[in-house]
């Protein structure tokens, strides 16, 4: 069987592509990985998606996928390991489950994963006090003190979310100002449970089986201090899940997929959308828009 389009990734961009592809009568396969929904599933509440005053991230992701399936998109929960251009006008998609699928076009929407700090003890204490998802692990720290690393929108928004559980949240940021929208900064700075350690970086995680403390370096002076904590949440950016694409499409120096304003890559028949592409703003609404454009471009490509 040869599909008209295979969409890799079942987050906001991938599901949006699937919705539009099926509406244009394309035989569509959506390969969603081991956790469909993407990073939006980690959001405790989404308050900036049109049509919903407030909705849980997992519920919104579930709605995306169910709508795509209801319109006729086939869905496979598997991890893509390789995408190949096997011949003119045909692509193969291999998965960790040992399956190979074929299509006339491909939309890449595999999203991103959290960046690691790469410091001593981080890997050892992952799941034992070190986390990258406040929604997933926040309630484990009810009545405890936690550290949040980062200074972007995700770090500040998740720090505020953590105050629902923790008695104290300390934000550690490497610069003397935040790289976030003003509303996120205001919400965090006005929260009485949040304290700030600026111009500083974490240098290590320590404990006996469970995280007990971190070492923080003040960058201007080089002074290092120990900070007792029950947990640390890391939000220092994301890296695109493009490992399987090295020999397929053009990537930039951040391993993001290079696309034009029609979501076309440098390979005919291959399109990309969402957080894995080269762009400035990463929001669920921008991912939906890019997924829509990618599907329309794929439909036009197939008609021609």
Foldseek 3Di string as FASTA:
>chain_A
DAWAEEEEAQALLRLLLLLQLLVLVTAYEYEHEQDHHPPLQLAQWDCPDPPDNIDGSVVVSVVSNVSSVVSPYHYHHFAWQAWADPDQQKIWTATPVGDIHMYSFYEYEHAWDADDPPAAPQVVADVQFEAAGCSVCLQVAAAWEEEEEAFELVRLVSQLVSVVGYQAYEYEYQAPHGHYDPVSVVSRVPDPRYHYDYNKDWHYFDDDSHTFWTWIANNVVRDIDIDGGRHYHYHHDIAAPCPNCPPPFDADPSRAFEADPLQDTPDQRYGYFANRHDDDDHDSVRRSVNSNSPSVVSSVSVVD
